[in-house]
C-alpha atoms as a PDB file:
ATOM      1  CA  MET A   1       0.000   0.000   0.000  1.00  0.00           C
ATOM      2  CA  THR A   2       1.191   3.520  -0.760  1.00  0.00           C
ATOM      3  CA  ILE A   3       0.593   6.422   1.636  1.00  0.00           C
ATOM      4  CA  LYS A   4       1.634  10.055   1.949  1.00  0.00           C
ATOM      5  CA  LEU A   5       3.659  11.057   5.008  1.00  0.00           C
ATOM      6  CA  LEU A   6       3.836  14.574   6.431  1.00  0.00           C
ATOM      7  CA  TYR A   7       6.328  15.760   9.063  1.00  0.00           C
ATOM      8  CA  PHE A   8       5.998  18.996  11.036  1.00  0.00           C
ATOM      9  CA  ALA A   9       8.083  21.261  13.274  1.00  0.00           C
ATOM     10  CA  SER A  10      11.192  19.744  14.906  1.00  0.00           C
ATOM     11  CA  LEU A  11      10.544  16.347  13.316  1.00  0.00           C
ATOM     12  CA  ARG A  12      10.562  17.937   9.850  1.00  0.00           C
ATOM     13  CA  ASP A  13      13.828  19.683  10.710  1.00  0.00           C
ATOM     14  CA  ALA A  14      15.453  16.502  12.022  1.00  0.00           C
ATOM     15  CA  LEU A  15      14.412  14.433   8.996  1.00  0.00           C
ATOM     16  CA  GLY A  16      15.203  17.147   6.467  1.00  0.00           C
ATOM     17  CA  GLN A  17      11.880  16.745   4.686  1.00  0.00           C
ATOM     18  CA  SER A  18       8.297  17.811   5.144  1.00  0.00           C
ATOM     19  CA  GLU A  19       6.585  15.101   3.127  1.00  0.00           C
ATOM     20  CA  ALA A  20       7.130  11.864   1.266  1.00  0.00           C
ATOM     21  CA  LYS A  21       5.236   9.056  -0.401  1.00  0.00           C
ATOM     22  CA  THR A  22       6.121   5.566   0.693  1.00  0.00           C
ATOM     23  CA  THR A  23       5.072   2.028  -0.093  1.00  0.00           C
ATOM     24  CA  LEU A  24       4.538  -0.063   3.021  1.00  0.00           C
ATOM     25  CA  PRO A  25       5.090  -3.785   3.447  1.00  0.00           C
ATOM     26  CA  ASP A  26       2.028  -5.936   4.184  1.00  0.00           C
ATOM     27  CA  SER A  27       3.161  -6.219   7.809  1.00  0.00           C
ATOM     28  CA  VAL A  28       2.394  -2.517   8.429  1.00  0.00           C
ATOM     29  CA  ALA A  29      -1.311  -1.937   9.028  1.00  0.00           C
ATOM     30  CA  THR A  30      -1.583   0.481  11.976  1.00  0.00           C
ATOM     31  CA  VAL A  31      -0.118   3.810  13.048  1.00  0.00           C
ATOM     32  CA  ALA A  32       1.944   2.008  15.716  1.00  0.00           C
ATOM     33  CA  GLU A  33       3.377  -0.411  13.146  1.00  0.00           C
ATOM     34  CA  LEU A  34       4.114   2.515  10.818  1.00  0.00           C
ATOM     35  CA  ARG A  35       6.093   4.277  13.560  1.00  0.00           C
ATOM     36  CA  VAL A  36       8.163   1.124  14.162  1.00  0.00           C
ATOM     37  CA  HIS A  37       8.686   0.625  10.425  1.00  0.00           C
ATOM     38  CA  LEU A  38       9.882   4.190   9.883  1.00  0.00           C
ATOM     39  CA  ALA A  39      12.062   4.164  13.015  1.00  0.00           C
ATOM     40  CA  SER A  40      13.812   1.045  11.695  1.00  0.00           C
ATOM     41  CA  ARG A  41      15.501   3.350   9.161  1.00  0.00           C
ATOM     42  CA  GLY A  42      17.710   4.505  12.052  1.00  0.00           C
ATOM     43  CA  GLY A  43      19.238   7.889  12.787  1.00  0.00           C
ATOM     44  CA  ALA A  44      16.751  10.766  13.088  1.00  0.00           C
ATOM     45  CA  TRP A  45      13.909   8.346  12.284  1.00  0.00           C
ATOM     46  CA  ASN A  46      14.272   6.975  15.820  1.00  0.00           C
ATOM     47  CA  ARG A  47      12.507  10.149  17.011  1.00  0.00           C
ATOM     48  CA  LEU A  48       9.264   8.551  15.826  1.00  0.00           C
ATOM     49  CA  LEU A  49       9.562   6.019  18.645  1.00  0.00           C
ATOM     50  CA  ALA A  50      11.621   7.947  21.182  1.00  0.00           C
ATOM     51  CA  SER A  51       9.084  10.746  21.652  1.00  0.00           C
ATOM     52  CA  THR A  52       6.168   9.656  23.814  1.00  0.00           C
ATOM     53  CA  SER A  53       4.425  12.966  23.146  1.00  0.00           C
ATOM     54  CA  LEU A  54       4.556  12.765  19.338  1.00  0.00           C
ATOM     55  CA  ARG A  55       1.104  13.144  17.785  1.00  0.00           C
ATOM     56  CA  CYS A  56      -0.259  11.562  14.636  1.00  0.00           C
ATOM     57  CA  ALA A  57      -3.139  12.378  12.326  1.00  0.00           C
ATOM     58  CA  VAL A  58      -4.581  10.222   9.580  1.00  0.00           C
ATOM     59  CA  ASN A  59      -6.391  12.172   6.881  1.00  0.00           C
ATOM     60  CA  GLN A  60      -6.308  15.287   9.091  1.00  0.00           C
ATOM     61  CA  GLU A  61      -7.948  13.576  12.086  1.00  0.00           C
ATOM     62  CA  ILE A  62      -5.990  12.890  15.289  1.00  0.00           C
ATOM     63  CA  ALA A  63      -5.325   9.160  15.282  1.00  0.00           C
ATOM     64  CA  PRO A  64      -4.659   6.620  18.040  1.00  0.00           C
ATOM     65  CA  LEU A  65      -1.755   4.212  17.617  1.00  0.00           C
ATOM     66  CA  ALA A  66      -4.192   1.360  16.939  1.00  0.00           C
ATOM     67  CA  MET A  67      -5.794   3.112  13.950  1.00  0.00           C
ATOM     68  CA  THR A  68      -5.637   1.119  10.732  1.00  0.00           C
ATOM     69  CA  ILE A  69      -3.913   2.720   7.750  1.00  0.00           C
ATOM     70  CA  LYS A  70      -5.396   2.279   4.285  1.00  0.00           C
ATOM     71  CA  GLU A  71      -4.167   2.746   0.718  1.00  0.00           C
ATOM     72  CA  GLY A  72      -3.840   6.427  -0.150  1.00  0.00           C
ATOM     73  CA  ASP A  73      -4.058   7.703   3.438  1.00  0.00           C
ATOM     74  CA  GLU A  74      -2.219  10.852   4.488  1.00  0.00           C
ATOM     75  CA  VAL A  75      -0.374  10.317   7.768  1.00  0.00           C
ATOM     76  CA  ALA A  76       1.085  13.305   9.594  1.00  0.00           C
ATOM     77  CA  PHE A  77       3.474  13.289  12.555  1.00  0.00           C
ATOM     78  CA  PHE A  78       3.939  16.374  14.745  1.00  0.00           C
ATOM     79  CA  PRO A  79       4.917  17.424  18.264  1.00  0.00           C
ATOM     80  CA  PRO A  80       2.065  18.299  20.655  1.00  0.00           C
ATOM     81  CA  VAL A  81       2.551  22.054  20.247  1.00  0.00           C
ATOM     82  CA  THR A  82       3.146  23.682  16.890  1.00  0.00           C
ATOM     83  CA  GLY A  83       3.203  27.374  16.155  1.00  0.00           C
ATOM     84  CA  GLY A  84       0.766  28.991  13.846  1.00  0.00           C
END
């Protein structure tokens, strides 16, 4: 399945990108599994697991870790407070 990823604030700065499209393996079906999958890239990606306060939204709706991800979803990761 292919999804769009968005990164905001300090996470965007650490990763050096604000968005990306990625194809996920069949073993990744939830937000929690996506975080583990992305963190397995190492380096700055470990922030996805290290931060207990990191928030996630799926299709612009705050999402729990157990939320299922579907083909074409937009998944955004951001710290709990962002300026605006």
